[in-house]
């Protein structure tokens, strides 16, 4: 059985608008999903995006496994700032006493 991040550690609430593709007018996003539990750390960090380019991330978010938040989604942070998802990584460690979670890197 995979351990999940304890819900009491996910103290922030964010809104996710999942990326659904591109249109002739720009990116398409699904309807906003409000009140998603998260742990948010706002701060500058040099990371690589999904194409491998070095970019500056200004927020890192931890979510429960199974949360729909693909790259290019829009997230409204607890501060009210709207940001774009650069990359998403699922972290699991079957058999080890560490919780599974999604790490979301935002611009």
C-alpha atoms as a PDB file:
ATOM      1  CA  UNK A   1       0.000   0.000   0.000  1.00  0.00           C
ATOM      2  CA  UNK A   2       1.344   3.417  -0.984  1.00  0.00           C
ATOM      3  CA  UNK A   3       1.416   6.049   1.715  1.00  0.00           C
ATOM      4  CA  UNK A   4      -0.055   9.421   0.818  1.00  0.00           C
ATOM      5  CA  UNK A   5       0.792  12.877   2.092  1.00  0.00           C
ATOM      6  CA  UNK A   6      -1.197  13.449   5.289  1.00  0.00           C
ATOM      7  CA  UNK A   7      -4.009  15.886   4.542  1.00  0.00           C
ATOM      8  CA  UNK A   8      -3.132  17.982   7.588  1.00  0.00           C
ATOM      9  CA  UNK A   9       0.182  18.880   5.881  1.00  0.00           C
ATOM     10  CA  UNK A  10      -1.667  20.322   2.885  1.00  0.00           C
ATOM     11  CA  UNK A  11      -2.681  23.547   4.642  1.00  0.00           C
ATOM     12  CA  UNK A  12      -3.140  25.813   1.621  1.00  0.00           C
ATOM     13  CA  UNK A  13      -6.043  25.964  -0.818  1.00  0.00           C
ATOM     14  CA  UNK A  14      -5.499  26.640  -4.513  1.00  0.00           C
ATOM     15  CA  UNK A  15      -7.644  26.758  -7.648  1.00  0.00           C
ATOM     16  CA  UNK A  16      -6.589  24.693 -10.679  1.00  0.00           C
ATOM     17  CA  UNK A  17      -7.718  25.331 -14.252  1.00  0.00           C
ATOM     18  CA  UNK A  18      -6.498  22.147 -16.010  1.00  0.00           C
ATOM     19  CA  UNK A  19      -4.855  22.555 -19.406  1.00  0.00           C
ATOM     20  CA  UNK A  20      -6.870  20.857 -22.144  1.00  0.00           C
ATOM     21  CA  UNK A  21      -4.939  21.767 -25.305  1.00  0.00           C
ATOM     22  CA  UNK A  22      -4.496  24.608 -27.755  1.00  0.00           C
ATOM     23  CA  UNK A  23      -6.957  26.418 -29.966  1.00  0.00           C
ATOM     24  CA  UNK A  24      -6.621  29.045 -32.660  1.00  0.00           C
ATOM     25  CA  UNK A  25      -6.942  31.620 -29.877  1.00  0.00           C
ATOM     26  CA  UNK A  26      -4.397  30.174 -27.440  1.00  0.00           C
ATOM     27  CA  UNK A  27      -4.413  27.582 -24.667  1.00  0.00           C
ATOM     28  CA  UNK A  28      -7.682  25.964 -23.584  1.00  0.00           C
ATOM     29  CA  UNK A  29      -8.330  25.385 -19.884  1.00  0.00           C
ATOM     30  CA  UNK A  30     -11.053  23.397 -18.202  1.00  0.00           C
ATOM     31  CA  UNK A  31     -13.412  24.839 -15.615  1.00  0.00           C
ATOM     32  CA  UNK A  32     -11.749  26.027 -12.396  1.00  0.00           C
ATOM     33  CA  UNK A  33     -11.454  23.451  -9.620  1.00  0.00           C
ATOM     34  CA  UNK A  34     -11.503  25.503  -6.387  1.00  0.00           C
ATOM     35  CA  UNK A  35     -10.384  24.607  -2.871  1.00  0.00           C
ATOM     36  CA  UNK A  36      -7.725  22.017  -3.828  1.00  0.00           C
ATOM     37  CA  UNK A  37      -5.582  21.050  -0.837  1.00  0.00           C
ATOM     38  CA  UNK A  38      -1.886  21.876  -1.328  1.00  0.00           C
ATOM     39  CA  UNK A  39       1.372  22.833   0.322  1.00  0.00           C
ATOM     40  CA  UNK A  40       2.721  25.942  -1.417  1.00  0.00           C
ATOM     41  CA  UNK A  41       6.221  27.407  -1.241  1.00  0.00           C
ATOM     42  CA  UNK A  42       6.650  30.681  -3.099  1.00  0.00           C
ATOM     43  CA  UNK A  43      10.268  31.458  -3.875  1.00  0.00           C
ATOM     44  CA  UNK A  44      12.636  31.696  -6.817  1.00  0.00           C
ATOM     45  CA  UNK A  45      14.368  28.502  -7.959  1.00  0.00           C
ATOM     46  CA  UNK A  46      16.167  27.566 -11.187  1.00  0.00           C
ATOM     47  CA  UNK A  47      14.489  24.483 -12.731  1.00  0.00           C
ATOM     48  CA  UNK A  48      14.016  22.777 -16.100  1.00  0.00           C
ATOM     49  CA  UNK A  49      10.685  22.898 -17.906  1.00  0.00           C
ATOM     50  CA  UNK A  50       9.086  19.955 -19.742  1.00  0.00           C
ATOM     51  CA  UNK A  51      11.276  20.649 -22.824  1.00  0.00           C
ATOM     52  CA  UNK A  52      14.464  20.710 -20.733  1.00  0.00           C
ATOM     53  CA  UNK A  53      15.060  24.490 -20.850  1.00  0.00           C
ATOM     54  CA  UNK A  54      16.320  26.251 -17.738  1.00  0.00           C
ATOM     55  CA  UNK A  55      13.644  28.581 -16.351  1.00  0.00           C
ATOM     56  CA  UNK A  56      12.976  30.354 -13.077  1.00  0.00           C
ATOM     57  CA  UNK A  57      10.222  28.889 -10.922  1.00  0.00           C
ATOM     58  CA  UNK A  58       8.514  31.243  -8.484  1.00  0.00           C
ATOM     59  CA  UNK A  59       6.309  28.666  -6.739  1.00  0.00           C
ATOM     60  CA  UNK A  60       6.497  24.988  -5.893  1.00  0.00           C
ATOM     61  CA  UNK A  61       3.324  23.113  -4.964  1.00  0.00           C
ATOM     62  CA  UNK A  62       2.772  19.687  -3.376  1.00  0.00           C
ATOM     63  CA  UNK A  63      -0.528  17.974  -4.214  1.00  0.00           C
ATOM     64  CA  UNK A  64      -2.160  14.655  -3.477  1.00  0.00           C
ATOM     65  CA  UNK A  65      -1.527  11.880  -6.004  1.00  0.00           C
ATOM     66  CA  UNK A  66      -4.431  11.710  -8.439  1.00  0.00           C
ATOM     67  CA  UNK A  67      -4.964  15.469  -8.649  1.00  0.00           C
ATOM     68  CA  UNK A  68      -5.480  16.543 -12.277  1.00  0.00           C
ATOM     69  CA  UNK A  69      -2.909  19.261 -12.964  1.00  0.00           C
ATOM     70  CA  UNK A  70      -1.044  18.759 -16.259  1.00  0.00           C
ATOM     71  CA  UNK A  71       1.754  21.089 -17.435  1.00  0.00           C
ATOM     72  CA  UNK A  72       0.431  24.394 -18.841  1.00  0.00           C
ATOM     73  CA  UNK A  73      -2.472  24.417 -16.346  1.00  0.00           C
ATOM     74  CA  UNK A  74      -3.253  27.668 -14.538  1.00  0.00           C
ATOM     75  CA  UNK A  75      -3.106  27.795 -10.747  1.00  0.00           C
ATOM     76  CA  UNK A  76      -4.365  30.528  -8.467  1.00  0.00           C
ATOM     77  CA  UNK A  77      -2.134  30.510  -5.384  1.00  0.00           C
ATOM     78  CA  UNK A  78      -3.294  31.422  -1.852  1.00  0.00           C
ATOM     79  CA  UNK A  79      -1.724  34.865  -2.380  1.00  0.00           C
ATOM     80  CA  UNK A  80      -4.140  35.419  -5.303  1.00  0.00           C
ATOM     81  CA  UNK A  81      -1.369  35.281  -7.894  1.00  0.00           C
ATOM     82  CA  UNK A  82      -2.171  33.276 -11.025  1.00  0.00           C
ATOM     83  CA  UNK A  83       0.691  31.187 -12.380  1.00  0.00           C
ATOM     84  CA  UNK A  84       1.329  28.560 -15.074  1.00  0.00           C
ATOM     85  CA  UNK A  85       2.472  24.991 -14.414  1.00  0.00           C
ATOM     86  CA  UNK A  86       5.900  24.286 -15.912  1.00  0.00           C
ATOM     87  CA  UNK A  87       6.253  20.635 -14.922  1.00  0.00           C
ATOM     88  CA  UNK A  88       4.675  17.937 -12.786  1.00  0.00           C
ATOM     89  CA  UNK A  89       6.474  14.991 -11.185  1.00  0.00           C
ATOM     90  CA  UNK A  90       4.863  12.121  -9.292  1.00  0.00           C
ATOM     91  CA  UNK A  91       7.012  10.941  -6.395  1.00  0.00           C
ATOM     92  CA  UNK A  92       6.400   7.459  -5.031  1.00  0.00           C
ATOM     93  CA  UNK A  93       8.543   5.119  -2.985  1.00  0.00           C
ATOM     94  CA  UNK A  94       6.735   1.762  -2.704  1.00  0.00           C
ATOM     95  CA  UNK A  95       7.718  -0.098   0.418  1.00  0.00           C
ATOM     96  CA  UNK A  96       9.369   2.903   2.045  1.00  0.00           C
ATOM     97  CA  UNK A  97       7.792   4.999   4.798  1.00  0.00           C
ATOM     98  CA  UNK A  98       7.625   8.185   2.704  1.00  0.00           C
ATOM     99  CA  UNK A  99       4.413   9.666   1.301  1.00  0.00           C
ATOM    100  CA  UNK A 100       3.524   9.660  -2.388  1.00  0.00           C
ATOM    101  CA  UNK A 101       2.755  13.094  -3.809  1.00  0.00           C
ATOM    102  CA  UNK A 102       2.778  15.293  -6.905  1.00  0.00           C
ATOM    103  CA  UNK A 103       5.397  18.031  -7.147  1.00  0.00           C
ATOM    104  CA  UNK A 104       4.176  20.904  -9.320  1.00  0.00           C
ATOM    105  CA  UNK A 105       6.679  23.519 -10.486  1.00  0.00           C
ATOM    106  CA  UNK A 106       5.156  26.871 -11.469  1.00  0.00           C
ATOM    107  CA  UNK A 107       6.557  29.894 -13.286  1.00  0.00           C
END
